[in-house]
Amino acid sequence: MSQERDIFFMGLALEQAKLAALQGEVPVGAVLVLEDQVLASGFNQPITHSDPSAHAEMMALRSGATKLSNYRLPDTTLYVTLEPCAMCCGAILHARVKRVVFGAFDPKTGTAGSVTNLFALEQINHHTEVHGGVLADECGQVLRHFFKERRA
């Protein structure tokens, strides 16, 4: 995958994150891509849906699976503005997503390298390629701005 392509799709994920912020949700966005086309997108909505599993990644995976009529999402790349948590990593692995590209690292709950790396466990039968830090500053800034405003 090219760096330019990753930056382009991460930019689309950032747009999704901004939609989350407009709804008062933590601004995390995700875009699921298949064959260089956006298959699905999503943003954090746990408050809106009263659903702790309504993370951006989960929303994009659900939508993509519905569109393909398949719970497996092989050959897809998931772009997400924040390093996935354990729940999202589990769903990504179960869906057989080929590649995950994330923006900001999450030193508190990130399980794609920060706290631990679920994708690196050799015992798991599917291995997802992971690339972190794409537009990390921009992704982190959206989060910092959101929390700064909430504290004010």
N, C-alpha and C. Protein backbone atom coordinates (compact mmCIF):
# COMPACT_ATOMS: atom_id res chain seq x y z
N MET A 1 0.83 -1.18 0.00
CA MET A 1 0.00 0.00 0.00
C MET A 1 0.88 1.25 0.00
N SER A 2 0.45 2.24 -0.70
CA SER A 2 1.24 3.46 -0.77
C SER A 2 0.92 4.39 0.40
N GLN A 3 1.89 5.18 0.75
CA GLN A 3 1.71 6.13 1.84
C GLN A 3 0.65 7.16 1.47
N GLU A 4 0.62 7.58 0.21
CA GLU A 4 -0.37 8.56 -0.24
C GLU A 4 -1.79 8.01 -0.08
N ARG A 5 -1.98 6.75 -0.42
CA ARG A 5 -3.29 6.10 -0.29
C ARG A 5 -3.70 6.06 1.18
N ASP A 6 -2.75 5.68 2.05
CA ASP A 6 -3.06 5.62 3.48
C ASP A 6 -3.44 7.00 4.01
N ILE A 7 -2.73 8.03 3.59
CA ILE A 7 -3.04 9.39 4.04
C ILE A 7 -4.42 9.82 3.54
N PHE A 8 -4.73 9.49 2.30
CA PHE A 8 -6.04 9.85 1.74
C PHE A 8 -7.18 9.22 2.56
N PHE A 9 -7.10 7.92 2.78
CA PHE A 9 -8.19 7.24 3.48
C PHE A 9 -8.23 7.62 4.97
N MET A 10 -7.06 7.91 5.56
CA MET A 10 -7.06 8.38 6.95
C MET A 10 -7.74 9.75 7.02
N GLY A 11 -7.59 10.55 6.00
CA GLY A 11 -8.30 11.84 5.95
C GLY A 11 -9.80 11.64 5.97
N LEU A 12 -10.27 10.61 5.28
CA LEU A 12 -11.71 10.31 5.32
C LEU A 12 -12.13 9.83 6.70
N ALA A 13 -11.28 9.06 7.35
CA ALA A 13 -11.57 8.61 8.72
C ALA A 13 -11.63 9.81 9.67
N LEU A 14 -10.76 10.80 9.45
CA LEU A 14 -10.78 12.01 10.27
C LEU A 14 -12.10 12.76 10.10
N GLU A 15 -12.65 12.77 8.89
CA GLU A 15 -13.96 13.40 8.67
C GLU A 15 -15.03 12.68 9.50
N GLN A 16 -14.94 11.37 9.57
CA GLN A 16 -15.88 10.61 10.39
C GLN A 16 -15.71 10.96 11.88
N ALA A 17 -14.46 11.11 12.32
CA ALA A 17 -14.20 11.48 13.72
C ALA A 17 -14.85 12.81 14.05
N LYS A 18 -14.79 13.74 13.12
CA LYS A 18 -15.39 15.06 13.35
C LYS A 18 -16.91 14.96 13.45
N LEU A 19 -17.51 14.01 12.73
CA LEU A 19 -18.96 13.79 12.87
C LEU A 19 -19.29 13.29 14.27
N ALA A 20 -18.43 12.44 14.81
CA ALA A 20 -18.64 11.96 16.18
C ALA A 20 -18.61 13.13 17.16
N ALA A 21 -17.63 14.00 16.99
CA ALA A 21 -17.51 15.15 17.90
C ALA A 21 -18.76 16.03 17.85
N LEU A 22 -19.30 16.21 16.66
CA LEU A 22 -20.52 17.03 16.52
C LEU A 22 -21.70 16.45 17.29
N GLN A 23 -21.68 15.14 17.52
CA GLN A 23 -22.74 14.48 18.28
C GLN A 23 -22.39 14.33 19.76
N GLY A 24 -21.26 14.91 20.16
CA GLY A 24 -20.85 14.80 21.56
C GLY A 24 -20.18 13.49 21.90
N GLU A 25 -19.80 12.74 20.88
CA GLU A 25 -19.12 11.47 21.08
C GLU A 25 -17.61 11.69 20.99
N VAL A 26 -16.84 10.81 21.62
CA VAL A 26 -15.38 10.88 21.50
C VAL A 26 -15.05 10.76 20.01
N PRO A 27 -14.28 11.71 19.47
CA PRO A 27 -14.06 11.78 18.03
C PRO A 27 -13.08 10.74 17.48
N VAL A 28 -13.63 9.58 17.21
CA VAL A 28 -12.88 8.52 16.55
C VAL A 28 -13.68 8.13 15.32
N GLY A 29 -12.99 8.02 14.19
CA GLY A 29 -13.65 7.66 12.94
C GLY A 29 -12.93 6.50 12.27
N ALA A 30 -13.68 5.79 11.43
CA ALA A 30 -13.13 4.63 10.73
C ALA A 30 -13.69 4.56 9.32
N VAL A 31 -12.86 4.04 8.41
CA VAL A 31 -13.26 3.83 7.03
C VAL A 31 -12.76 2.44 6.63
N LEU A 32 -13.65 1.63 6.09
CA LEU A 32 -13.32 0.29 5.63
C LEU A 32 -13.21 0.33 4.11
N VAL A 33 -12.07 -0.11 3.59
CA VAL A 33 -11.77 0.01 2.17
C VAL A 33 -11.57 -1.37 1.54
N LEU A 34 -12.17 -1.55 0.38
CA LEU A 34 -12.00 -2.76 -0.41
C LEU A 34 -11.69 -2.35 -1.84
N GLU A 35 -10.58 -2.82 -2.37
CA GLU A 35 -10.17 -2.52 -3.74
C GLU A 35 -10.16 -1.02 -4.02
N ASP A 36 -9.55 -0.27 -3.12
CA ASP A 36 -9.41 1.19 -3.24
C ASP A 36 -10.74 1.95 -3.27
N GLN A 37 -11.80 1.33 -2.80
CA GLN A 37 -13.10 1.98 -2.70
C GLN A 37 -13.59 1.91 -1.26
N VAL A 38 -14.23 2.97 -0.80
CA VAL A 38 -14.80 2.95 0.55
C VAL A 38 -15.99 2.00 0.54
N LEU A 39 -15.89 0.95 1.33
CA LEU A 39 -16.97 -0.01 1.48
C LEU A 39 -17.94 0.46 2.56
N ALA A 40 -17.39 1.01 3.65
CA ALA A 40 -18.21 1.43 4.77
C ALA A 40 -17.42 2.42 5.62
N SER A 41 -18.13 3.17 6.44
CA SER A 41 -17.48 4.08 7.36
C SER A 41 -18.27 4.10 8.66
N GLY A 42 -17.66 4.65 9.67
CA GLY A 42 -18.35 4.73 10.95
C GLY A 42 -17.62 5.66 11.89
N PHE A 43 -18.31 6.06 12.93
CA PHE A 43 -17.70 6.88 13.96
C PHE A 43 -18.26 6.45 15.30
N ASN A 44 -17.57 6.83 16.37
CA ASN A 44 -17.98 6.45 17.72
C ASN A 44 -19.42 6.88 17.98
N GLN A 45 -20.23 5.95 18.50
CA GLN A 45 -21.62 6.25 18.84
C GLN A 45 -22.13 5.50 20.07
N PRO A 46 -21.26 5.18 21.03
CA PRO A 46 -21.76 4.44 22.20
C PRO A 46 -22.77 5.22 23.03
N ILE A 47 -22.61 6.54 23.12
CA ILE A 47 -23.56 7.35 23.89
C ILE A 47 -24.89 7.42 23.14
N THR A 48 -24.82 7.74 21.86
CA THR A 48 -26.01 7.88 21.03
C THR A 48 -26.85 6.60 21.03
N HIS A 49 -26.19 5.45 20.93
CA HIS A 49 -26.90 4.18 20.84
C HIS A 49 -27.02 3.44 22.17
N SER A 50 -26.51 4.03 23.24
CA SER A 50 -26.46 3.35 24.54
C SER A 50 -25.89 1.94 24.36
N ASP A 51 -24.76 1.89 23.67
CA ASP A 51 -24.15 0.62 23.28
C ASP A 51 -22.64 0.71 23.45
N PRO A 52 -22.08 0.04 24.45
CA PRO A 52 -20.65 0.12 24.67
C PRO A 52 -19.82 -0.44 23.52
N SER A 53 -20.43 -1.20 22.64
CA SER A 53 -19.68 -1.76 21.51
C SER A 53 -19.75 -0.88 20.26
N ALA A 54 -20.38 0.26 20.32
CA ALA A 54 -20.57 1.11 19.14
C ALA A 54 -19.36 2.00 18.87
N HIS A 55 -18.18 1.39 18.87
CA HIS A 55 -16.97 2.12 18.52
C HIS A 55 -16.93 2.31 17.01
N ALA A 56 -16.12 3.25 16.56
CA ALA A 56 -16.01 3.56 15.13
C ALA A 56 -15.70 2.32 14.30
N GLU A 57 -14.75 1.52 14.78
CA GLU A 57 -14.37 0.32 14.04
C GLU A 57 -15.54 -0.64 13.91
N MET A 58 -16.25 -0.82 15.01
CA MET A 58 -17.38 -1.76 15.02
C MET A 58 -18.48 -1.30 14.06
N MET A 59 -18.73 0.00 14.04
CA MET A 59 -19.76 0.54 13.15
C MET A 59 -19.38 0.30 11.69
N ALA A 60 -18.11 0.54 11.35
CA ALA A 60 -17.65 0.32 9.98
C ALA A 60 -17.67 -1.16 9.62
N LEU A 61 -17.23 -2.02 10.54
CA LEU A 61 -17.23 -3.46 10.27
C LEU A 61 -18.65 -3.98 10.08
N ARG A 62 -19.57 -3.56 10.92
CA ARG A 62 -20.96 -3.99 10.80
C ARG A 62 -21.55 -3.58 9.45
N SER A 63 -21.32 -2.33 9.08
CA SER A 63 -21.85 -1.83 7.83
C SER A 63 -21.23 -2.56 6.63
N GLY A 64 -19.93 -2.77 6.68
CA GLY A 64 -19.26 -3.47 5.59
C GLY A 64 -19.72 -4.91 5.46
N ALA A 65 -19.88 -5.59 6.59
CA ALA A 65 -20.36 -6.98 6.56
C ALA A 65 -21.76 -7.06 5.99
N THR A 66 -22.61 -6.10 6.35
CA THR A 66 -23.97 -6.07 5.81
C THR A 66 -23.94 -5.85 4.30
N LYS A 67 -23.12 -4.92 3.85
CA LYS A 67 -23.05 -4.65 2.41
C LYS A 67 -22.56 -5.86 1.62
N LEU A 68 -21.63 -6.62 2.19
CA LEU A 68 -21.10 -7.80 1.50
C LEU A 68 -21.90 -9.06 1.80
N SER A 69 -22.86 -8.96 2.72
CA SER A 69 -23.62 -10.13 3.18
C SER A 69 -22.67 -11.24 3.61
N ASN A 70 -21.65 -10.83 4.38
CA ASN A 70 -20.65 -11.78 4.83
C ASN A 70 -20.01 -11.25 6.10
N TYR A 71 -19.91 -12.10 7.10
CA TYR A 71 -19.27 -11.66 8.34
C TYR A 71 -17.75 -11.65 8.22
N ARG A 72 -17.22 -12.19 7.15
CA ARG A 72 -15.79 -12.14 6.87
C ARG A 72 -15.52 -10.98 5.91
N LEU A 73 -14.45 -10.26 6.16
CA LEU A 73 -14.11 -9.09 5.35
C LEU A 73 -12.67 -9.22 4.84
N PRO A 74 -12.37 -10.32 4.14
CA PRO A 74 -11.01 -10.51 3.64
C PRO A 74 -10.66 -9.44 2.60
N ASP A 75 -9.41 -9.18 2.46
CA ASP A 75 -8.89 -8.22 1.48
C ASP A 75 -9.32 -6.79 1.74
N THR A 76 -9.79 -6.49 2.96
CA THR A 76 -10.15 -5.12 3.30
C THR A 76 -9.05 -4.48 4.15
N THR A 77 -9.05 -3.16 4.13
CA THR A 77 -8.19 -2.38 5.00
C THR A 77 -9.09 -1.47 5.83
N LEU A 78 -8.87 -1.47 7.13
CA LEU A 78 -9.62 -0.61 8.03
C LEU A 78 -8.72 0.54 8.47
N TYR A 79 -9.16 1.76 8.19
CA TYR A 79 -8.46 2.96 8.62
C TYR A 79 -9.21 3.51 9.82
N VAL A 80 -8.50 3.77 10.89
CA VAL A 80 -9.14 4.28 12.10
C VAL A 80 -8.23 5.32 12.74
N THR A 81 -8.83 6.39 13.25
CA THR A 81 -8.05 7.53 13.74
C THR A 81 -7.36 7.27 15.06
N LEU A 82 -7.77 6.26 15.81
CA LEU A 82 -7.17 5.94 17.10
C LEU A 82 -6.88 4.45 17.15
N GLU A 83 -5.76 4.10 17.73
CA GLU A 83 -5.37 2.70 17.88
C GLU A 83 -6.52 1.89 18.48
N PRO A 84 -6.88 0.77 17.87
CA PRO A 84 -8.01 -0.03 18.36
C PRO A 84 -7.81 -0.60 19.77
N CYS A 85 -8.93 -0.75 20.46
CA CYS A 85 -8.96 -1.37 21.78
C CYS A 85 -9.05 -2.90 21.62
N ALA A 86 -9.07 -3.62 22.72
CA ALA A 86 -9.12 -5.08 22.68
C ALA A 86 -10.40 -5.58 21.99
N MET A 87 -11.53 -4.96 22.29
CA MET A 87 -12.79 -5.39 21.68
C MET A 87 -12.72 -5.25 20.17
N CYS A 88 -12.26 -4.10 19.72
CA CYS A 88 -12.20 -3.85 18.28
C CYS A 88 -11.16 -4.74 17.60
N CYS A 89 -10.02 -4.95 18.25
CA CYS A 89 -9.02 -5.86 17.68
C CYS A 89 -9.60 -7.26 17.52
N GLY A 90 -10.36 -7.71 18.51
CA GLY A 90 -10.99 -9.02 18.42
C GLY A 90 -11.94 -9.11 17.24
N ALA A 91 -12.75 -8.08 17.06
CA ALA A 91 -13.69 -8.08 15.93
C ALA A 91 -12.95 -8.03 14.60
N ILE A 92 -11.89 -7.24 14.54
CA ILE A 92 -11.09 -7.14 13.32
C ILE A 92 -10.50 -8.51 12.96
N LEU A 93 -9.98 -9.20 13.96
CA LEU A 93 -9.41 -10.53 13.73
C LEU A 93 -10.49 -11.52 13.29
N HIS A 94 -11.63 -11.51 13.96
CA HIS A 94 -12.71 -12.44 13.59
C HIS A 94 -13.24 -12.17 12.19
N ALA A 95 -13.22 -10.90 11.79
CA ALA A 95 -13.70 -10.54 10.45
C ALA A 95 -12.67 -10.83 9.37
N ARG A 96 -11.47 -11.18 9.78
CA ARG A 96 -10.38 -11.48 8.83
C ARG A 96 -9.96 -10.28 7.99
N VAL A 97 -10.02 -9.09 8.61
CA VAL A 97 -9.56 -7.89 7.93
C VAL A 97 -8.07 -8.08 7.61
N LYS A 98 -7.70 -7.73 6.40
CA LYS A 98 -6.32 -7.95 5.96
C LYS A 98 -5.33 -6.98 6.61
N ARG A 99 -5.77 -5.71 6.74
CA ARG A 99 -4.84 -4.68 7.17
C ARG A 99 -5.56 -3.63 8.00
N VAL A 100 -4.89 -3.14 9.05
CA VAL A 100 -5.39 -2.03 9.86
C VAL A 100 -4.36 -0.92 9.82
N VAL A 101 -4.85 0.28 9.54
CA VAL A 101 -4.00 1.47 9.56
C VAL A 101 -4.64 2.43 10.57
N PHE A 102 -3.87 2.83 11.59
CA PHE A 102 -4.44 3.75 12.57
C PHE A 102 -3.59 5.00 12.68
N GLY A 103 -4.21 6.04 13.23
CA GLY A 103 -3.55 7.33 13.38
C GLY A 103 -2.84 7.45 14.71
N ALA A 104 -3.54 7.95 15.71
CA ALA A 104 -2.94 8.21 17.02
C ALA A 104 -2.79 6.92 17.82
N PHE A 105 -1.69 6.83 18.51
CA PHE A 105 -1.48 5.71 19.44
C PHE A 105 -2.27 5.98 20.71
N ASP A 106 -2.73 4.91 21.37
CA ASP A 106 -3.51 5.05 22.60
C ASP A 106 -2.76 4.35 23.73
N PRO A 107 -2.00 5.11 24.53
CA PRO A 107 -1.18 4.50 25.58
C PRO A 107 -1.97 3.91 26.75
N LYS A 108 -3.29 4.16 26.79
CA LYS A 108 -4.11 3.62 27.89
C LYS A 108 -4.85 2.35 27.51
N THR A 109 -5.40 2.29 26.31
CA THR A 109 -6.21 1.11 25.94
C THR A 109 -5.86 0.53 24.57
N GLY A 110 -4.82 1.02 23.94
CA GLY A 110 -4.46 0.55 22.61
C GLY A 110 -3.89 -0.86 22.63
N THR A 111 -4.47 -1.74 21.83
CA THR A 111 -3.99 -3.12 21.80
C THR A 111 -3.50 -3.53 20.41
N ALA A 112 -2.94 -2.53 19.71
CA ALA A 112 -2.28 -2.81 18.44
C ALA A 112 -0.82 -2.40 18.55
N GLY A 113 -0.31 -2.39 19.78
CA GLY A 113 1.08 -2.08 20.01
C GLY A 113 1.39 -1.26 21.24
N SER A 114 0.46 -0.43 21.70
CA SER A 114 0.76 0.46 22.83
C SER A 114 0.76 -0.26 24.17
N VAL A 115 -0.38 -0.81 24.57
CA VAL A 115 -0.47 -1.54 25.84
C VAL A 115 -0.04 -2.99 25.62
N THR A 116 -0.54 -3.55 24.56
CA THR A 116 -0.18 -4.90 24.12
C THR A 116 -0.45 -4.94 22.62
N ASN A 117 -0.16 -6.06 21.99
CA ASN A 117 -0.45 -6.18 20.57
C ASN A 117 -1.15 -7.50 20.30
N LEU A 118 -2.47 -7.45 20.26
CA LEU A 118 -3.24 -8.67 20.01
C LEU A 118 -2.99 -9.22 18.61
N PHE A 119 -2.63 -8.35 17.69
CA PHE A 119 -2.38 -8.80 16.32
C PHE A 119 -1.10 -9.60 16.20
N ALA A 120 -0.21 -9.49 17.19
CA ALA A 120 1.08 -10.17 17.14
C ALA A 120 1.06 -11.56 17.78
N LEU A 121 -0.07 -11.95 18.37
CA LEU A 121 -0.13 -13.25 19.02
C LEU A 121 -0.05 -14.38 17.99
N GLU A 122 0.99 -15.19 18.10
CA GLU A 122 1.20 -16.27 17.15
C GLU A 122 0.12 -17.34 17.22
N GLN A 123 -0.51 -17.49 18.38
CA GLN A 123 -1.52 -18.54 18.56
C GLN A 123 -2.79 -18.28 17.75
N ILE A 124 -3.03 -17.05 17.39
CA ILE A 124 -4.25 -16.71 16.65
C ILE A 124 -4.09 -17.15 15.21
N ASN A 125 -5.16 -17.73 14.65
CA ASN A 125 -5.05 -18.32 13.32
C ASN A 125 -5.11 -17.32 12.17
N HIS A 126 -5.49 -16.07 12.43
CA HIS A 126 -5.49 -15.06 11.38
C HIS A 126 -4.56 -13.93 11.80
N HIS A 127 -3.79 -13.45 10.86
CA HIS A 127 -2.85 -12.36 11.18
C HIS A 127 -3.14 -11.16 10.30
N THR A 128 -3.45 -10.06 10.96
CA THR A 128 -3.76 -8.80 10.31
C THR A 128 -2.51 -7.94 10.31
N GLU A 129 -2.20 -7.37 9.16
CA GLU A 129 -1.10 -6.43 9.06
C GLU A 129 -1.51 -5.13 9.74
N VAL A 130 -0.61 -4.52 10.50
CA VAL A 130 -0.93 -3.30 11.25
C VAL A 130 0.11 -2.22 10.95
N HIS A 131 -0.38 -1.03 10.72
CA HIS A 131 0.50 0.12 10.51
C HIS A 131 -0.07 1.30 11.29
N GLY A 132 0.68 1.80 12.26
CA GLY A 132 0.21 2.90 13.09
C GLY A 132 0.96 4.19 12.83
N GLY A 133 0.36 5.29 13.22
CA GLY A 133 0.99 6.59 13.16
C GLY A 133 0.69 7.40 11.91
N VAL A 134 -0.24 6.97 11.08
CA VAL A 134 -0.59 7.72 9.87
C VAL A 134 -1.44 8.93 10.27
N LEU A 135 -0.97 10.11 9.95
CA LEU A 135 -1.61 11.38 10.36
C LEU A 135 -1.83 11.40 11.88
N ALA A 136 -0.87 10.86 12.61
CA ALA A 136 -0.99 10.76 14.07
C ALA A 136 -1.21 12.11 14.72
N ASP A 137 -0.49 13.13 14.29
CA ASP A 137 -0.64 14.46 14.90
C ASP A 137 -2.04 15.00 14.69
N GLU A 138 -2.56 14.89 13.47
CA GLU A 138 -3.90 15.39 13.16
C GLU A 138 -4.97 14.61 13.94
N CYS A 139 -4.81 13.31 13.98
CA CYS A 139 -5.78 12.47 14.71
C CYS A 139 -5.75 12.78 16.21
N GLY A 140 -4.56 12.93 16.75
CA GLY A 140 -4.42 13.25 18.16
C GLY A 140 -4.96 14.63 18.49
N GLN A 141 -4.76 15.57 17.58
CA GLN A 141 -5.24 16.93 17.80
C GLN A 141 -6.76 16.99 17.91
N VAL A 142 -7.45 16.23 17.08
CA VAL A 142 -8.92 16.19 17.13
C VAL A 142 -9.37 15.70 18.51
N LEU A 143 -8.70 14.70 19.02
CA LEU A 143 -9.04 14.17 20.35
C LEU A 143 -8.70 15.18 21.45
N ARG A 144 -7.51 15.76 21.38
CA ARG A 144 -7.10 16.74 22.41
C ARG A 144 -8.05 17.93 22.44
N HIS A 145 -8.42 18.44 21.28
CA HIS A 145 -9.33 19.58 21.19
C HIS A 145 -10.69 19.23 21.80
N PHE A 146 -11.19 18.05 21.49
CA PHE A 146 -12.48 17.60 22.02
C PHE A 146 -12.46 17.58 23.55
N PHE A 147 -11.45 16.96 24.13
CA PHE A 147 -11.39 16.85 25.59
C PHE A 147 -11.09 18.19 26.26
N LYS A 148 -10.33 19.04 25.58
CA LYS A 148 -10.07 20.38 26.13
C LYS A 148 -11.37 21.16 26.23
N GLU A 149 -12.20 21.09 25.19
CA GLU A 149 -13.49 21.78 25.22
C GLU A 149 -14.43 21.21 26.27
N ARG A 150 -14.41 19.91 26.46
CA ARG A 150 -15.27 19.29 27.47
C ARG A 150 -14.88 19.69 28.88
N ARG A 151 -13.59 19.86 29.10
CA ARG A 151 -13.12 20.27 30.43
C ARG A 151 -13.43 21.73 30.71
N ALA A 152 -13.53 22.55 29.67
CA ALA A 152 -13.75 24.00 29.83
C ALA A 152 -15.15 24.34 30.26
